[in-house]
N, C-alpha and C. Protein backbone atom coordinates (compact mmCIF):
# COMPACT_ATOMS: atom_id res chain seq x y z
N MET A 1 0.85 -1.19 0.00
CA MET A 1 0.00 0.00 0.00
C MET A 1 0.89 1.25 0.00
N LYS A 2 0.72 2.11 -1.00
CA LYS A 2 1.51 3.32 -1.08
C LYS A 2 0.97 4.37 -0.11
N SER A 3 1.88 5.15 0.49
CA SER A 3 1.47 6.26 1.32
C SER A 3 0.84 7.32 0.44
N ASN A 4 0.06 8.19 1.05
CA ASN A 4 -0.58 9.25 0.28
C ASN A 4 0.44 10.13 -0.42
N ASN A 5 1.57 10.42 0.27
CA ASN A 5 2.58 11.28 -0.34
C ASN A 5 3.28 10.59 -1.50
N LEU A 6 3.54 9.29 -1.36
CA LEU A 6 4.17 8.55 -2.46
C LEU A 6 3.21 8.48 -3.64
N HIS A 7 1.95 8.24 -3.36
CA HIS A 7 0.95 8.19 -4.43
C HIS A 7 0.91 9.52 -5.18
N ARG A 8 0.94 10.61 -4.44
CA ARG A 8 0.93 11.94 -5.06
C ARG A 8 2.22 12.17 -5.85
N THR A 9 3.34 11.72 -5.32
CA THR A 9 4.63 11.86 -6.00
C THR A 9 4.62 11.14 -7.34
N ILE A 10 4.14 9.91 -7.34
CA ILE A 10 4.08 9.11 -8.56
C ILE A 10 3.15 9.75 -9.58
N GLU A 11 2.04 10.28 -9.10
CA GLU A 11 1.08 10.95 -9.99
C GLU A 11 1.71 12.19 -10.62
N LEU A 12 2.42 12.98 -9.83
CA LEU A 12 3.09 14.18 -10.35
C LEU A 12 4.15 13.81 -11.38
N THR A 13 4.92 12.77 -11.09
CA THR A 13 5.98 12.33 -12.00
C THR A 13 5.40 11.85 -13.32
N ALA A 14 4.36 11.03 -13.24
CA ALA A 14 3.72 10.51 -14.45
C ALA A 14 3.12 11.64 -15.28
N ASN A 15 2.45 12.56 -14.64
CA ASN A 15 1.82 13.67 -15.37
C ASN A 15 2.87 14.57 -16.01
N TYR A 16 3.98 14.79 -15.30
CA TYR A 16 5.04 15.63 -15.85
C TYR A 16 5.56 15.04 -17.16
N PHE A 17 5.91 13.77 -17.15
CA PHE A 17 6.49 13.16 -18.35
C PHE A 17 5.45 12.86 -19.42
N ASP A 18 4.22 12.55 -19.02
CA ASP A 18 3.19 12.29 -20.03
C ASP A 18 2.85 13.55 -20.81
N GLY A 19 3.17 14.70 -20.25
CA GLY A 19 3.00 15.95 -20.99
C GLY A 19 4.14 16.20 -21.96
N ARG A 20 5.09 15.27 -21.99
CA ARG A 20 6.27 15.41 -22.85
C ARG A 20 6.53 14.11 -23.62
N LYS A 21 5.46 13.49 -24.07
CA LYS A 21 5.58 12.24 -24.82
C LYS A 21 5.94 12.52 -26.28
N VAL A 22 6.67 11.57 -26.87
CA VAL A 22 6.98 11.65 -28.30
C VAL A 22 6.79 10.27 -28.91
N GLY A 23 6.71 10.21 -30.25
CA GLY A 23 6.65 8.94 -30.94
C GLY A 23 5.25 8.49 -31.25
N CYS A 24 5.16 7.21 -31.60
CA CYS A 24 3.88 6.65 -32.03
C CYS A 24 3.81 5.19 -31.62
N PHE A 25 2.63 4.60 -31.75
CA PHE A 25 2.46 3.18 -31.43
C PHE A 25 3.06 2.35 -32.56
N GLY A 26 3.39 1.11 -32.26
CA GLY A 26 3.93 0.22 -33.28
C GLY A 26 5.39 -0.09 -33.04
N ASN A 27 5.96 -0.88 -33.95
CA ASN A 27 7.34 -1.30 -33.76
C ASN A 27 8.31 -0.59 -34.68
N THR A 28 7.89 0.53 -35.26
CA THR A 28 8.78 1.32 -36.10
C THR A 28 8.78 2.75 -35.59
N GLY A 29 9.71 3.54 -36.09
CA GLY A 29 9.75 4.94 -35.68
C GLY A 29 11.03 5.26 -34.95
N TYR A 30 11.42 6.52 -35.02
CA TYR A 30 12.69 6.95 -34.46
C TYR A 30 12.70 6.84 -32.94
N ARG A 31 11.60 7.23 -32.32
CA ARG A 31 11.61 7.30 -30.87
C ARG A 31 10.20 7.23 -30.32
N LYS A 32 10.04 6.48 -29.26
CA LYS A 32 8.74 6.36 -28.60
C LYS A 32 8.95 6.45 -27.10
N THR A 33 7.98 7.00 -26.40
CA THR A 33 8.09 7.12 -24.95
C THR A 33 6.92 6.42 -24.26
N THR A 34 7.21 5.82 -23.13
CA THR A 34 6.21 5.09 -22.35
C THR A 34 5.19 6.04 -21.73
N ASP A 35 3.94 5.65 -21.78
CA ASP A 35 2.87 6.38 -21.09
C ASP A 35 2.97 6.01 -19.61
N LEU A 36 3.48 6.93 -18.80
CA LEU A 36 3.74 6.59 -17.40
C LEU A 36 2.47 6.39 -16.58
N SER A 37 1.38 7.01 -16.98
CA SER A 37 0.12 6.79 -16.26
C SER A 37 -0.30 5.32 -16.38
N LYS A 38 -0.14 4.75 -17.57
CA LYS A 38 -0.43 3.33 -17.76
C LYS A 38 0.63 2.47 -17.09
N PHE A 39 1.87 2.93 -17.14
CA PHE A 39 2.96 2.15 -16.55
C PHE A 39 2.80 2.05 -15.04
N CYS A 40 2.20 3.05 -14.42
CA CYS A 40 1.95 3.00 -12.97
C CYS A 40 1.10 1.79 -12.61
N ALA A 41 0.12 1.48 -13.45
CA ALA A 41 -0.72 0.30 -13.20
C ALA A 41 0.10 -0.97 -13.33
N CYS A 42 1.06 -0.98 -14.24
CA CYS A 42 1.95 -2.13 -14.39
C CYS A 42 2.81 -2.31 -13.14
N ILE A 43 3.32 -1.20 -12.62
CA ILE A 43 4.14 -1.26 -11.40
C ILE A 43 3.33 -1.83 -10.24
N GLU A 44 2.11 -1.36 -10.10
CA GLU A 44 1.26 -1.84 -9.00
C GLU A 44 1.01 -3.34 -9.12
N ASP A 45 0.76 -3.80 -10.34
CA ASP A 45 0.54 -5.22 -10.59
C ASP A 45 1.79 -6.03 -10.23
N LEU A 46 2.95 -5.57 -10.69
CA LEU A 46 4.20 -6.28 -10.44
C LEU A 46 4.58 -6.25 -8.96
N THR A 47 4.24 -5.18 -8.28
CA THR A 47 4.51 -5.08 -6.85
C THR A 47 3.60 -6.03 -6.06
N ASP A 48 2.33 -6.03 -6.41
CA ASP A 48 1.37 -6.89 -5.73
C ASP A 48 1.70 -8.37 -5.92
N SER A 49 2.27 -8.71 -7.07
CA SER A 49 2.61 -10.11 -7.36
C SER A 49 3.97 -10.51 -6.82
N GLY A 50 4.69 -9.56 -6.20
CA GLY A 50 5.98 -9.85 -5.59
C GLY A 50 7.14 -9.87 -6.55
N ILE A 51 6.92 -9.47 -7.79
CA ILE A 51 8.01 -9.45 -8.77
C ILE A 51 8.91 -8.24 -8.54
N ILE A 52 8.32 -7.14 -8.12
CA ILE A 52 9.09 -5.95 -7.74
C ILE A 52 9.14 -5.87 -6.23
N ARG A 53 10.36 -5.79 -5.69
CA ARG A 53 10.57 -5.65 -4.25
C ARG A 53 11.52 -4.48 -4.02
N THR A 54 11.07 -3.52 -3.23
CA THR A 54 11.82 -2.28 -3.05
C THR A 54 13.24 -2.50 -2.57
N GLN A 55 13.44 -3.43 -1.68
CA GLN A 55 14.75 -3.61 -1.06
C GLN A 55 15.71 -4.46 -1.88
N SER A 56 15.22 -5.15 -2.91
CA SER A 56 16.11 -6.09 -3.59
C SER A 56 16.11 -6.05 -5.12
N THR A 57 15.05 -5.57 -5.74
CA THR A 57 14.94 -5.68 -7.20
C THR A 57 15.91 -4.77 -7.94
N VAL A 58 16.61 -5.37 -8.91
CA VAL A 58 17.45 -4.61 -9.84
C VAL A 58 16.69 -4.53 -11.16
N PHE A 59 16.38 -3.31 -11.58
CA PHE A 59 15.60 -3.05 -12.79
C PHE A 59 16.51 -2.47 -13.87
N THR A 60 16.32 -2.90 -15.12
CA THR A 60 17.11 -2.36 -16.22
C THR A 60 16.23 -2.07 -17.42
N ASP A 61 16.22 -0.80 -17.84
CA ASP A 61 15.53 -0.37 -19.05
C ASP A 61 16.55 -0.43 -20.19
N LEU A 62 16.28 -1.28 -21.19
CA LEU A 62 17.25 -1.54 -22.25
C LEU A 62 17.27 -0.46 -23.33
N GLY A 63 16.39 0.51 -23.23
CA GLY A 63 16.38 1.65 -24.15
C GLY A 63 15.72 2.80 -23.43
N CYS A 64 16.45 3.41 -22.51
CA CYS A 64 15.83 4.28 -21.49
C CYS A 64 15.48 5.68 -21.95
N GLY A 65 15.92 6.09 -23.14
CA GLY A 65 15.57 7.42 -23.62
C GLY A 65 16.02 8.51 -22.67
N ASP A 66 15.08 9.32 -22.20
CA ASP A 66 15.41 10.42 -21.28
C ASP A 66 15.34 9.99 -19.81
N GLY A 67 15.21 8.68 -19.57
CA GLY A 67 15.26 8.17 -18.20
C GLY A 67 13.96 8.25 -17.43
N ARG A 68 12.85 8.53 -18.11
CA ARG A 68 11.58 8.72 -17.40
C ARG A 68 11.12 7.46 -16.66
N VAL A 69 11.25 6.30 -17.30
CA VAL A 69 10.84 5.06 -16.62
C VAL A 69 11.76 4.77 -15.44
N ASN A 70 13.05 5.05 -15.60
CA ASN A 70 13.99 4.84 -14.50
C ASN A 70 13.67 5.72 -13.30
N LEU A 71 13.29 6.97 -13.57
CA LEU A 71 12.92 7.87 -12.48
C LEU A 71 11.70 7.35 -11.74
N LEU A 72 10.70 6.91 -12.47
CA LEU A 72 9.49 6.39 -11.84
C LEU A 72 9.80 5.11 -11.06
N MET A 73 10.57 4.22 -11.66
CA MET A 73 10.88 2.94 -11.03
C MET A 73 11.79 3.09 -9.82
N SER A 74 12.52 4.18 -9.74
CA SER A 74 13.47 4.35 -8.64
C SER A 74 12.80 4.31 -7.27
N TYR A 75 11.52 4.63 -7.22
CA TYR A 75 10.78 4.61 -5.96
C TYR A 75 10.41 3.19 -5.52
N PHE A 76 10.57 2.22 -6.41
CA PHE A 76 10.06 0.87 -6.14
C PHE A 76 11.12 -0.22 -6.17
N VAL A 77 12.35 0.12 -6.54
CA VAL A 77 13.39 -0.91 -6.69
C VAL A 77 14.66 -0.51 -5.94
N ARG A 78 15.56 -1.47 -5.81
CA ARG A 78 16.85 -1.18 -5.15
C ARG A 78 17.77 -0.39 -6.07
N LEU A 79 17.79 -0.76 -7.35
CA LEU A 79 18.65 -0.09 -8.32
C LEU A 79 17.92 0.02 -9.64
N SER A 80 17.92 1.23 -10.21
CA SER A 80 17.22 1.50 -11.47
C SER A 80 18.26 1.87 -12.53
N ILE A 81 18.54 0.91 -13.41
CA ILE A 81 19.59 1.06 -14.43
C ILE A 81 18.95 1.31 -15.79
N GLY A 82 19.57 2.17 -16.59
CA GLY A 82 19.07 2.42 -17.94
C GLY A 82 20.21 2.54 -18.93
N LEU A 83 19.98 2.05 -20.14
CA LEU A 83 20.94 2.18 -21.23
C LEU A 83 20.27 2.88 -22.40
N GLU A 84 20.99 3.82 -23.02
CA GLU A 84 20.46 4.54 -24.17
C GLU A 84 21.58 4.74 -25.19
N ILE A 85 21.32 4.33 -26.43
CA ILE A 85 22.33 4.39 -27.47
C ILE A 85 22.50 5.80 -28.05
N ASP A 86 21.47 6.63 -27.94
CA ASP A 86 21.49 7.98 -28.50
C ASP A 86 21.86 9.00 -27.41
N SER A 87 23.06 9.54 -27.52
CA SER A 87 23.55 10.46 -26.48
C SER A 87 22.72 11.74 -26.41
N GLU A 88 22.19 12.17 -27.54
CA GLU A 88 21.39 13.40 -27.55
C GLU A 88 20.09 13.22 -26.75
N ILE A 89 19.47 12.07 -26.93
CA ILE A 89 18.25 11.78 -26.17
C ILE A 89 18.57 11.65 -24.69
N LEU A 90 19.64 10.92 -24.39
CA LEU A 90 20.03 10.71 -22.99
C LEU A 90 20.37 12.03 -22.30
N SER A 91 20.87 13.00 -23.06
CA SER A 91 21.24 14.29 -22.47
C SER A 91 20.04 15.05 -21.93
N GLU A 92 18.83 14.64 -22.30
CA GLU A 92 17.63 15.28 -21.79
C GLU A 92 17.36 14.89 -20.33
N TYR A 93 18.00 13.81 -19.89
CA TYR A 93 17.72 13.29 -18.55
C TYR A 93 18.00 14.32 -17.46
N GLY A 94 19.18 14.91 -17.46
CA GLY A 94 19.56 15.85 -16.41
C GLY A 94 18.62 17.03 -16.29
N PRO A 95 18.39 17.78 -17.38
CA PRO A 95 17.48 18.92 -17.30
C PRO A 95 16.06 18.54 -16.87
N ARG A 96 15.57 17.42 -17.38
CA ARG A 96 14.20 17.03 -17.03
C ARG A 96 14.12 16.54 -15.59
N LYS A 97 15.14 15.86 -15.13
CA LYS A 97 15.16 15.44 -13.73
C LYS A 97 15.16 16.66 -12.82
N ASN A 98 15.98 17.65 -13.15
CA ASN A 98 16.06 18.87 -12.33
C ASN A 98 14.72 19.61 -12.32
N GLU A 99 14.08 19.67 -13.47
CA GLU A 99 12.78 20.33 -13.56
C GLU A 99 11.74 19.58 -12.75
N LEU A 100 11.79 18.25 -12.82
CA LEU A 100 10.86 17.43 -12.04
C LEU A 100 11.09 17.61 -10.55
N ILE A 101 12.35 17.63 -10.14
CA ILE A 101 12.68 17.81 -8.72
C ILE A 101 12.14 19.15 -8.21
N SER A 102 12.27 20.19 -9.02
CA SER A 102 11.73 21.50 -8.62
C SER A 102 10.22 21.42 -8.43
N LEU A 103 9.55 20.70 -9.33
CA LEU A 103 8.11 20.53 -9.21
C LEU A 103 7.75 19.75 -7.95
N LEU A 104 8.47 18.66 -7.71
CA LEU A 104 8.18 17.83 -6.54
C LEU A 104 8.41 18.61 -5.25
N ARG A 105 9.48 19.40 -5.21
CA ARG A 105 9.76 20.22 -4.02
C ARG A 105 8.65 21.22 -3.78
N SER A 106 8.19 21.84 -4.84
CA SER A 106 7.14 22.86 -4.70
C SER A 106 5.83 22.25 -4.20
N GLU A 107 5.66 20.96 -4.43
CA GLU A 107 4.44 20.26 -4.01
C GLU A 107 4.64 19.50 -2.71
N GLY A 108 5.83 19.59 -2.12
CA GLY A 108 6.11 18.86 -0.90
C GLY A 108 6.13 17.35 -1.11
N ALA A 109 6.46 16.93 -2.31
CA ALA A 109 6.46 15.50 -2.65
C ALA A 109 7.83 14.89 -2.38
N ILE A 110 7.93 13.58 -2.61
CA ILE A 110 9.16 12.84 -2.32
C ILE A 110 10.12 12.93 -3.51
N LEU A 111 11.36 13.27 -3.25
CA LEU A 111 12.35 13.37 -4.32
C LEU A 111 12.82 11.99 -4.74
N PRO A 112 13.26 11.82 -6.00
CA PRO A 112 13.72 10.51 -6.47
C PRO A 112 14.90 10.01 -5.64
N PRO A 113 14.92 8.73 -5.32
CA PRO A 113 16.05 8.14 -4.58
C PRO A 113 17.33 8.22 -5.41
N GLU A 114 18.46 8.14 -4.73
CA GLU A 114 19.75 8.17 -5.41
C GLU A 114 20.16 6.75 -5.81
N ASN A 115 19.31 6.10 -6.58
CA ASN A 115 19.59 4.72 -6.99
C ASN A 115 19.47 4.54 -8.50
N ILE A 116 19.59 5.64 -9.23
CA ILE A 116 19.46 5.61 -10.68
C ILE A 116 20.84 5.67 -11.33
N PHE A 117 21.08 4.76 -12.27
CA PHE A 117 22.36 4.74 -12.98
C PHE A 117 22.08 4.56 -14.47
N LEU A 118 22.34 5.62 -15.25
CA LEU A 118 22.10 5.59 -16.69
C LEU A 118 23.41 5.58 -17.46
N VAL A 119 23.44 4.82 -18.55
CA VAL A 119 24.65 4.64 -19.34
C VAL A 119 24.37 4.95 -20.81
N HIS A 120 25.29 5.69 -21.43
CA HIS A 120 25.23 5.86 -22.88
C HIS A 120 25.90 4.64 -23.50
N GLY A 121 25.10 3.78 -24.10
CA GLY A 121 25.66 2.57 -24.67
C GLY A 121 24.61 1.72 -25.36
N ASN A 122 25.08 0.68 -26.02
CA ASN A 122 24.24 -0.25 -26.76
C ASN A 122 23.90 -1.44 -25.87
N SER A 123 22.63 -1.68 -25.66
CA SER A 123 22.21 -2.77 -24.77
C SER A 123 22.59 -4.15 -25.31
N LEU A 124 22.90 -4.24 -26.60
CA LEU A 124 23.30 -5.51 -27.19
C LEU A 124 24.81 -5.72 -27.15
N ASP A 125 25.52 -4.72 -26.68
CA ASP A 125 26.98 -4.77 -26.60
C ASP A 125 27.40 -5.09 -25.16
N ASP A 126 28.11 -6.19 -24.99
CA ASP A 126 28.52 -6.60 -23.64
C ASP A 126 29.35 -5.54 -22.93
N ARG A 127 30.03 -4.69 -23.71
CA ARG A 127 30.87 -3.65 -23.09
C ARG A 127 30.04 -2.65 -22.28
N SER A 128 28.80 -2.45 -22.69
CA SER A 128 27.93 -1.54 -21.93
C SER A 128 27.66 -2.09 -20.54
N PHE A 129 27.47 -3.39 -20.45
CA PHE A 129 27.22 -4.01 -19.15
C PHE A 129 28.51 -4.17 -18.35
N ASP A 130 29.65 -4.22 -19.05
CA ASP A 130 30.93 -4.20 -18.34
C ASP A 130 31.08 -2.88 -17.59
N GLU A 131 30.66 -1.78 -18.24
CA GLU A 131 30.71 -0.46 -17.60
C GLU A 131 29.78 -0.41 -16.40
N ILE A 132 28.59 -0.95 -16.57
CA ILE A 132 27.63 -0.98 -15.46
C ILE A 132 28.20 -1.77 -14.28
N ARG A 133 28.79 -2.91 -14.58
CA ARG A 133 29.35 -3.75 -13.51
C ARG A 133 30.49 -3.04 -12.80
N SER A 134 31.32 -2.33 -13.55
CA SER A 134 32.47 -1.66 -12.94
C SER A 134 32.05 -0.52 -12.02
N LYS A 135 30.89 0.07 -12.27
CA LYS A 135 30.45 1.23 -11.50
C LYS A 135 29.38 0.91 -10.45
N THR A 136 28.70 -0.21 -10.61
CA THR A 136 27.63 -0.54 -9.67
C THR A 136 27.82 -1.90 -9.00
N GLY A 137 28.67 -2.72 -9.58
CA GLY A 137 28.85 -4.08 -9.07
C GLY A 137 27.78 -5.04 -9.55
N VAL A 138 26.89 -4.56 -10.41
CA VAL A 138 25.79 -5.37 -10.92
C VAL A 138 26.13 -5.91 -12.30
N ASP A 139 26.02 -7.22 -12.46
CA ASP A 139 26.26 -7.87 -13.74
C ASP A 139 24.92 -8.12 -14.44
N PHE A 140 24.99 -8.49 -15.71
CA PHE A 140 23.77 -8.79 -16.46
C PHE A 140 22.93 -9.84 -15.74
N ALA A 141 23.59 -10.84 -15.22
CA ALA A 141 22.90 -11.95 -14.55
C ALA A 141 22.31 -11.56 -13.20
N ASP A 142 22.64 -10.36 -12.70
CA ASP A 142 22.10 -9.88 -11.43
C ASP A 142 20.77 -9.15 -11.59
N VAL A 143 20.43 -8.82 -12.83
CA VAL A 143 19.19 -8.06 -13.08
C VAL A 143 17.98 -8.96 -12.84
N ASP A 144 16.98 -8.40 -12.15
CA ASP A 144 15.75 -9.14 -11.84
C ASP A 144 14.64 -8.87 -12.85
N LEU A 145 14.62 -7.64 -13.39
CA LEU A 145 13.55 -7.25 -14.31
C LEU A 145 14.12 -6.37 -15.42
N PHE A 146 14.03 -6.87 -16.65
CA PHE A 146 14.40 -6.08 -17.83
C PHE A 146 13.14 -5.47 -18.43
N TYR A 147 13.33 -4.33 -19.12
CA TYR A 147 12.19 -3.63 -19.72
C TYR A 147 12.59 -3.04 -21.06
N THR A 148 11.64 -3.05 -22.01
CA THR A 148 11.82 -2.32 -23.25
C THR A 148 10.47 -1.90 -23.81
N TYR A 149 10.49 -0.84 -24.57
CA TYR A 149 9.31 -0.39 -25.30
C TYR A 149 9.43 -0.92 -26.72
N ILE A 150 9.06 -2.14 -26.94
CA ILE A 150 8.89 -2.86 -28.21
C ILE A 150 10.11 -2.86 -29.14
N THR A 151 10.79 -1.73 -29.34
CA THR A 151 11.90 -1.68 -30.28
C THR A 151 12.99 -2.67 -29.88
N LEU A 152 13.40 -3.51 -30.84
CA LEU A 152 14.44 -4.53 -30.63
C LEU A 152 14.05 -5.57 -29.57
N HIS A 153 12.77 -5.68 -29.29
CA HIS A 153 12.32 -6.59 -28.23
C HIS A 153 12.78 -8.03 -28.47
N ASP A 154 12.81 -8.46 -29.74
CA ASP A 154 13.20 -9.83 -30.04
C ASP A 154 14.69 -10.07 -29.82
N LEU A 155 15.51 -9.07 -30.19
CA LEU A 155 16.95 -9.19 -29.98
C LEU A 155 17.29 -9.14 -28.49
N PHE A 156 16.59 -8.29 -27.76
CA PHE A 156 16.80 -8.23 -26.31
C PHE A 156 16.40 -9.56 -25.66
N ALA A 157 15.32 -10.16 -26.15
CA ALA A 157 14.88 -11.45 -25.61
C ALA A 157 15.95 -12.52 -25.80
N GLU A 158 16.60 -12.50 -26.96
CA GLU A 158 17.67 -13.46 -27.23
C GLU A 158 18.82 -13.27 -26.25
N LYS A 159 19.16 -12.02 -25.99
CA LYS A 159 20.26 -11.74 -25.07
C LYS A 159 19.91 -12.16 -23.64
N ILE A 160 18.68 -11.90 -23.25
CA ILE A 160 18.23 -12.30 -21.91
C ILE A 160 18.24 -13.82 -21.79
N ALA A 161 17.79 -14.50 -22.83
CA ALA A 161 17.79 -15.97 -22.82
C ALA A 161 19.21 -16.52 -22.72
N GLU A 162 20.15 -15.82 -23.34
CA GLU A 162 21.54 -16.27 -23.36
C GLU A 162 22.29 -15.95 -22.06
N ARG A 163 22.08 -14.74 -21.53
CA ARG A 163 22.92 -14.28 -20.43
C ARG A 163 22.18 -14.02 -19.12
N GLY A 164 20.87 -13.91 -19.17
CA GLY A 164 20.11 -13.65 -17.96
C GLY A 164 20.02 -14.89 -17.07
N ARG A 165 19.78 -14.66 -15.80
CA ARG A 165 19.65 -15.79 -14.87
C ARG A 165 18.30 -16.48 -15.07
N THR A 166 18.22 -17.72 -14.68
CA THR A 166 16.96 -18.45 -14.72
C THR A 166 15.92 -17.74 -13.84
N GLY A 167 14.74 -17.52 -14.38
CA GLY A 167 13.67 -16.87 -13.62
C GLY A 167 13.62 -15.37 -13.77
N VAL A 168 14.59 -14.77 -14.47
CA VAL A 168 14.57 -13.32 -14.66
C VAL A 168 13.33 -12.94 -15.48
N HIS A 169 12.75 -11.79 -15.17
CA HIS A 169 11.55 -11.33 -15.86
C HIS A 169 11.88 -10.28 -16.92
N TYR A 170 11.05 -10.26 -17.95
CA TYR A 170 11.22 -9.35 -19.09
C TYR A 170 9.87 -8.73 -19.39
N LEU A 171 9.76 -7.42 -19.18
CA LEU A 171 8.53 -6.68 -19.40
C LEU A 171 8.63 -5.94 -20.73
N VAL A 172 7.70 -6.24 -21.64
CA VAL A 172 7.71 -5.62 -22.97
C VAL A 172 6.46 -4.75 -23.12
N TYR A 173 6.68 -3.47 -23.39
CA TYR A 173 5.61 -2.49 -23.49
C TYR A 173 5.34 -2.19 -24.97
N GLY A 174 4.07 -2.06 -25.32
CA GLY A 174 3.72 -1.69 -26.68
C GLY A 174 2.88 -2.72 -27.42
N PHE A 175 2.61 -3.85 -26.79
CA PHE A 175 1.78 -4.89 -27.40
C PHE A 175 0.36 -4.83 -26.84
N SER A 176 -0.61 -5.17 -27.68
CA SER A 176 -1.98 -5.22 -27.19
C SER A 176 -2.62 -6.57 -27.48
N ARG A 177 -2.90 -6.86 -28.74
CA ARG A 177 -3.61 -8.10 -29.06
C ARG A 177 -2.67 -9.25 -29.43
N VAL A 178 -1.75 -9.01 -30.32
CA VAL A 178 -0.86 -10.07 -30.79
C VAL A 178 0.44 -10.01 -30.00
N LEU A 179 0.72 -11.06 -29.24
CA LEU A 179 1.91 -11.10 -28.39
C LEU A 179 3.01 -11.91 -29.05
N PRO A 180 4.26 -11.53 -28.81
CA PRO A 180 5.38 -12.28 -29.38
C PRO A 180 5.61 -13.58 -28.61
N ALA A 181 6.37 -14.46 -29.21
CA ALA A 181 6.81 -15.69 -28.53
C ALA A 181 8.32 -15.73 -28.63
N TYR A 182 8.97 -15.99 -27.51
CA TYR A 182 10.43 -16.00 -27.46
C TYR A 182 10.91 -17.39 -27.05
N GLU A 183 11.92 -17.87 -27.75
CA GLU A 183 12.53 -19.14 -27.37
C GLU A 183 13.22 -18.98 -26.01
N SER A 184 13.00 -19.91 -25.14
CA SER A 184 13.59 -19.94 -23.79
C SER A 184 12.92 -18.98 -22.80
N LEU A 185 11.92 -18.22 -23.26
CA LEU A 185 11.16 -17.36 -22.35
C LEU A 185 9.69 -17.78 -22.38
N GLU A 186 9.05 -17.78 -21.22
CA GLU A 186 7.64 -18.15 -21.14
C GLU A 186 6.80 -16.93 -20.79
N LEU A 187 5.59 -16.90 -21.32
CA LEU A 187 4.66 -15.81 -21.03
C LEU A 187 4.09 -16.00 -19.63
N VAL A 188 4.23 -14.98 -18.80
CA VAL A 188 3.74 -15.02 -17.43
C VAL A 188 2.42 -14.28 -17.29
N ASN A 189 2.35 -13.10 -17.90
CA ASN A 189 1.15 -12.27 -17.81
C ASN A 189 0.98 -11.52 -19.13
N PRO A 190 -0.08 -11.82 -19.90
CA PRO A 190 -0.26 -11.18 -21.20
C PRO A 190 -0.76 -9.74 -21.13
N ASP A 191 -1.18 -9.30 -19.96
CA ASP A 191 -1.74 -7.95 -19.83
C ASP A 191 -1.43 -7.39 -18.44
N VAL A 192 -0.20 -7.01 -18.25
CA VAL A 192 0.24 -6.49 -16.95
C VAL A 192 -0.47 -5.17 -16.66
N GLY A 193 -1.08 -5.09 -15.50
CA GLY A 193 -1.76 -3.87 -15.10
C GLY A 193 -3.09 -3.64 -15.78
N ALA A 194 -3.54 -4.61 -16.59
CA ALA A 194 -4.84 -4.52 -17.29
C ALA A 194 -4.95 -3.23 -18.11
N GLN A 195 -3.85 -2.88 -18.79
CA GLN A 195 -3.82 -1.68 -19.62
C GLN A 195 -3.80 -1.99 -21.11
N ALA A 196 -3.79 -3.29 -21.46
CA ALA A 196 -3.72 -3.74 -22.85
C ALA A 196 -2.52 -3.12 -23.57
N ILE A 197 -1.37 -3.10 -22.87
CA ILE A 197 -0.20 -2.44 -23.43
C ILE A 197 1.12 -3.14 -23.10
N ALA A 198 1.15 -4.00 -22.08
CA ALA A 198 2.42 -4.61 -21.66
C ALA A 198 2.24 -6.09 -21.33
N ALA A 199 3.27 -6.87 -21.68
CA ALA A 199 3.27 -8.31 -21.40
C ALA A 199 4.54 -8.68 -20.64
N LEU A 200 4.41 -9.66 -19.76
CA LEU A 200 5.53 -10.08 -18.92
C LEU A 200 5.95 -11.51 -19.27
N PHE A 201 7.28 -11.67 -19.44
CA PHE A 201 7.86 -12.97 -19.75
C PHE A 201 8.89 -13.34 -18.68
N ARG A 202 9.25 -14.63 -18.65
CA ARG A 202 10.23 -15.11 -17.67
C ARG A 202 11.12 -16.15 -18.34
N LYS A 203 12.41 -16.10 -18.01
CA LYS A 203 13.33 -17.10 -18.55
C LYS A 203 13.06 -18.44 -17.90
N LYS A 204 12.91 -19.45 -18.74
CA LYS A 204 12.62 -20.79 -18.26
C LYS A 204 13.82 -21.40 -17.54
N GLY A 205 13.52 -22.33 -16.62
CA GLY A 205 14.57 -23.02 -15.90
C GLY A 205 15.15 -24.17 -16.70
């Protein structure tokens, strides 16, 4: 159960970024951003089911953009990691985080925890995770929950199947009716948060 202040904080954060969405639905396009209002329902579902645990979960967004999902997730996980291949997009993180913090302060809300680590790099390149490990001590196999917004979802699934630990979860945002099937990953929840937008998979044992 979220406290009233945390609930208000999450609402403010989601509304701030949802007013700055870009892109379109589908699996093509230069850039797409997660609808955080819908993603909040996904977080609640994953928290209620015990997949997300504040004190232990390591979360990784494989294409974090401006870090909006990482900022939101930082309130619910031990470590919120993000990778973004486009340095120009990633450079938006600092200014937007500062603007969000000013808003949260003005509303007496909770500031984001200091558990966010974003990297400019390719999520399919092992060197990006070498950098993460050197700075956080977290290896690819230590991640509990991977996330992506549809783009390269199949290639990320292959990497998770190859290098992720048994039982690791993979949340894919952007699907509604037709869901993908991944070798070595099983479908756990076809409609996380009942938003008709995200599906959850798990690496088989």
